[in-house]
Amino acid sequence: MAFERVHCLYPYTPIVFKIDNGSNKDYLAFAIEFENGDGDLAAVDLIVSKNNQVLPMKRLFGATFATGFTPDTSVGPYSVRLTSVESRNTVVATNVLPAAWKPGQIYRSTVNF
């Protein structure tokens, strides 16, 4: 049996971020869905919009990423930068996570690869 990677096609569908139910003020994790292109993410960075502080995120599993350090909610909203593995293309979902993000919520961006 052979497997072949296929590119994901979600025309007219923006990337969404589903905040993990276990997220809290000290831990933020989210699943990333509907990314077009090769489907693998090389890097995900959380960016504090007010001061451009970049917090690299770690892959937990699949398309779920986490950071052990969540910035003070008074400095939100937050942007998320995504870099694809194959093409190395980068997109930024600007201000996609509000300062008062909540576990279990889904936040829709306006971007895709």
C-alpha atoms as a PDB file:
ATOM      1  CA  MET A   1       0.000   0.000   0.000  1.00  0.00           C
ATOM      2  CA  ALA A   2       1.390   3.401  -0.948  1.00  0.00           C
ATOM      3  CA  PHE A   3       0.387   6.752   0.456  1.00  0.00           C
ATOM      4  CA  GLU A   4       0.628  10.058  -1.323  1.00  0.00           C
ATOM      5  CA  ARG A   5       0.331  13.494   0.232  1.00  0.00           C
ATOM      6  CA  VAL A   6      -2.259  15.643  -1.476  1.00  0.00           C
ATOM      7  CA  HIS A   7      -2.594  19.395  -1.285  1.00  0.00           C
ATOM      8  CA  CYS A   8      -5.554  20.708   0.663  1.00  0.00           C
ATOM      9  CA  LEU A   9      -8.037  22.859  -1.206  1.00  0.00           C
ATOM     10  CA  TYR A  10     -10.437  25.025   0.739  1.00  0.00           C
ATOM     11  CA  PRO A  11     -11.431  27.682  -1.791  1.00  0.00           C
ATOM     12  CA  TYR A  12     -12.983  30.783  -0.238  1.00  0.00           C
ATOM     13  CA  THR A  13     -12.549  29.322   3.245  1.00  0.00           C
ATOM     14  CA  PRO A  14     -10.452  31.269   5.748  1.00  0.00           C
ATOM     15  CA  ILE A  15      -8.232  29.544   8.298  1.00  0.00           C
ATOM     16  CA  VAL A  16      -9.914  29.052  11.678  1.00  0.00           C
ATOM     17  CA  PHE A  17      -8.418  28.658  15.140  1.00  0.00           C
ATOM     18  CA  LYS A  18     -10.214  26.446  17.677  1.00  0.00           C
ATOM     19  CA  ILE A  19      -9.057  27.220  21.214  1.00  0.00           C
ATOM     20  CA  ASP A  20      -8.409  24.026  23.186  1.00  0.00           C
ATOM     21  CA  ASN A  21     -10.745  23.479  26.133  1.00  0.00           C
ATOM     22  CA  GLY A  22      -7.725  23.080  28.434  1.00  0.00           C
ATOM     23  CA  SER A  23      -6.384  26.556  27.653  1.00  0.00           C
ATOM     24  CA  ASN A  24      -6.132  29.022  30.526  1.00  0.00           C
ATOM     25  CA  LYS A  25      -4.253  32.207  31.495  1.00  0.00           C
ATOM     26  CA  ASP A  26      -0.949  30.289  31.641  1.00  0.00           C
ATOM     27  CA  TYR A  27      -1.409  27.971  28.680  1.00  0.00           C
ATOM     28  CA  LEU A  28      -2.799  28.533  25.209  1.00  0.00           C
ATOM     29  CA  ALA A  29      -3.355  25.781  22.652  1.00  0.00           C
ATOM     30  CA  PHE A  30      -5.397  25.809  19.478  1.00  0.00           C
ATOM     31  CA  ALA A  31      -6.140  23.649  16.464  1.00  0.00           C
ATOM     32  CA  ILE A  32      -5.663  25.200  13.038  1.00  0.00           C
ATOM     33  CA  GLU A  33      -8.146  24.188  10.366  1.00  0.00           C
ATOM     34  CA  PHE A  34      -8.760  24.744   6.659  1.00  0.00           C
ATOM     35  CA  GLU A  35      -5.232  25.742   5.619  1.00  0.00           C
ATOM     36  CA  ASN A  36      -4.778  25.494   1.852  1.00  0.00           C
ATOM     37  CA  GLY A  37      -1.662  24.177   0.161  1.00  0.00           C
ATOM     38  CA  ASP A  38       0.672  21.431   1.266  1.00  0.00           C
ATOM     39  CA  GLY A  39      -1.168  21.046   4.576  1.00  0.00           C
ATOM     40  CA  ASP A  40       1.913  20.880   6.798  1.00  0.00           C
ATOM     41  CA  LEU A  41       2.973  23.790   8.942  1.00  0.00           C
ATOM     42  CA  ALA A  42       6.676  24.358   9.553  1.00  0.00           C
ATOM     43  CA  ALA A  43       6.151  27.107  12.114  1.00  0.00           C
ATOM     44  CA  VAL A  44       3.370  28.801  14.038  1.00  0.00           C
ATOM     45  CA  ASP A  45       4.056  32.014  15.941  1.00  0.00           C
ATOM     46  CA  LEU A  46       1.771  33.939  18.273  1.00  0.00           C
ATOM     47  CA  ILE A  47       2.335  37.682  17.872  1.00  0.00           C
ATOM     48  CA  VAL A  48       1.299  40.228  20.492  1.00  0.00           C
ATOM     49  CA  SER A  49      -0.255  42.900  18.303  1.00  0.00           C
ATOM     50  CA  LYS A  50       0.488  45.879  20.565  1.00  0.00           C
ATOM     51  CA  ASN A  51       4.258  45.336  20.775  1.00  0.00           C
ATOM     52  CA  ASN A  52       4.980  42.734  18.049  1.00  0.00           C
ATOM     53  CA  GLN A  53       6.439  40.279  20.585  1.00  0.00           C
ATOM     54  CA  VAL A  54       6.765  36.907  18.819  1.00  0.00           C
ATOM     55  CA  LEU A  55       6.105  33.721  20.780  1.00  0.00           C
ATOM     56  CA  PRO A  56       7.012  30.533  18.881  1.00  0.00           C
ATOM     57  CA  MET A  57       4.471  27.771  19.388  1.00  0.00           C
ATOM     58  CA  LYS A  58       5.142  24.035  19.635  1.00  0.00           C
ATOM     59  CA  ARG A  59       3.232  21.327  17.809  1.00  0.00           C
ATOM     60  CA  LEU A  60       1.321  19.134  20.245  1.00  0.00           C
ATOM     61  CA  PHE A  61      -0.124  16.797  17.612  1.00  0.00           C
ATOM     62  CA  GLY A  62      -1.530  17.135  14.114  1.00  0.00           C
ATOM     63  CA  ALA A  63      -2.415  20.773  13.561  1.00  0.00           C
ATOM     64  CA  THR A  64      -2.690  21.628  17.262  1.00  0.00           C
ATOM     65  CA  PHE A  65      -0.088  24.035  18.611  1.00  0.00           C
ATOM     66  CA  ALA A  66       0.583  25.412  22.090  1.00  0.00           C
ATOM     67  CA  THR A  67       2.622  27.939  23.977  1.00  0.00           C
ATOM     68  CA  GLY A  68       3.460  27.560  27.656  1.00  0.00           C
ATOM     69  CA  PHE A  69       3.558  31.316  28.068  1.00  0.00           C
ATOM     70  CA  THR A  70       0.508  33.409  27.380  1.00  0.00           C
ATOM     71  CA  PRO A  71       1.045  37.163  27.384  1.00  0.00           C
ATOM     72  CA  ASP A  72      -0.962  39.429  29.648  1.00  0.00           C
ATOM     73  CA  THR A  73      -4.466  39.715  28.217  1.00  0.00           C
ATOM     74  CA  SER A  74      -4.269  43.493  28.573  1.00  0.00           C
ATOM     75  CA  VAL A  75      -1.901  43.601  25.581  1.00  0.00           C
ATOM     76  CA  GLY A  76      -4.065  41.641  23.117  1.00  0.00           C
ATOM     77  CA  PRO A  77      -5.369  41.111  20.520  1.00  0.00           C
ATOM     78  CA  TYR A  78      -3.047  38.497  19.058  1.00  0.00           C
ATOM     79  CA  SER A  79      -2.023  37.675  15.527  1.00  0.00           C
ATOM     80  CA  VAL A  80      -0.902  34.245  14.339  1.00  0.00           C
ATOM     81  CA  ARG A  81       1.842  33.746  11.734  1.00  0.00           C
ATOM     82  CA  LEU A  82       1.808  30.448   9.840  1.00  0.00           C
ATOM     83  CA  THR A  83       4.632  29.112   7.654  1.00  0.00           C
ATOM     84  CA  SER A  84       4.076  26.109   5.386  1.00  0.00           C
ATOM     85  CA  VAL A  85       6.644  23.314   5.129  1.00  0.00           C
ATOM     86  CA  GLU A  86       6.828  22.704   1.412  1.00  0.00           C
ATOM     87  CA  SER A  87       6.434  26.154  -0.146  1.00  0.00           C
ATOM     88  CA  ARG A  88       7.734  28.148   2.883  1.00  0.00           C
ATOM     89  CA  ASN A  89       4.884  30.602   2.258  1.00  0.00           C
ATOM     90  CA  THR A  90       3.857  32.690   5.239  1.00  0.00           C
ATOM     91  CA  VAL A  91       0.497  34.204   6.112  1.00  0.00           C
ATOM     92  CA  VAL A  92      -0.437  36.314   9.110  1.00  0.00           C
ATOM     93  CA  ALA A  93      -3.913  36.176  10.592  1.00  0.00           C
ATOM     94  CA  THR A  94      -3.865  39.699  11.985  1.00  0.00           C
ATOM     95  CA  ASN A  95      -5.636  40.271  15.311  1.00  0.00           C
ATOM     96  CA  VAL A  96      -7.438  36.939  14.959  1.00  0.00           C
ATOM     97  CA  LEU A  97      -7.476  36.153  18.699  1.00  0.00           C
ATOM     98  CA  PRO A  98      -9.083  38.787  20.922  1.00  0.00           C
ATOM     99  CA  ALA A  99      -7.435  39.805  24.189  1.00  0.00           C
ATOM    100  CA  ALA A 100     -10.225  38.033  26.051  1.00  0.00           C
ATOM    101  CA  TRP A 101     -10.047  34.745  24.102  1.00  0.00           C
ATOM    102  CA  LYS A 102     -11.960  31.875  25.665  1.00  0.00           C
ATOM    103  CA  PRO A 103     -11.400  28.088  25.745  1.00  0.00           C
ATOM    104  CA  GLY A 104     -13.661  26.223  23.350  1.00  0.00           C
ATOM    105  CA  GLN A 105     -14.227  29.227  21.093  1.00  0.00           C
ATOM    106  CA  ILE A 106     -13.577  29.315  17.351  1.00  0.00           C
ATOM    107  CA  TYR A 107     -11.977  32.392  15.802  1.00  0.00           C
ATOM    108  CA  ARG A 108     -12.121  32.871  12.043  1.00  0.00           C
ATOM    109  CA  SER A 109      -9.332  34.654  10.174  1.00  0.00           C
ATOM    110  CA  THR A 110      -9.572  36.431   6.838  1.00  0.00           C
ATOM    111  CA  VAL A 111      -6.512  34.709   5.310  1.00  0.00           C
ATOM    112  CA  ASN A 112      -5.393  31.429   3.776  1.00  0.00           C
ATOM    113  CA  PHE A 113      -2.422  30.181   1.771  1.00  0.00           C
END
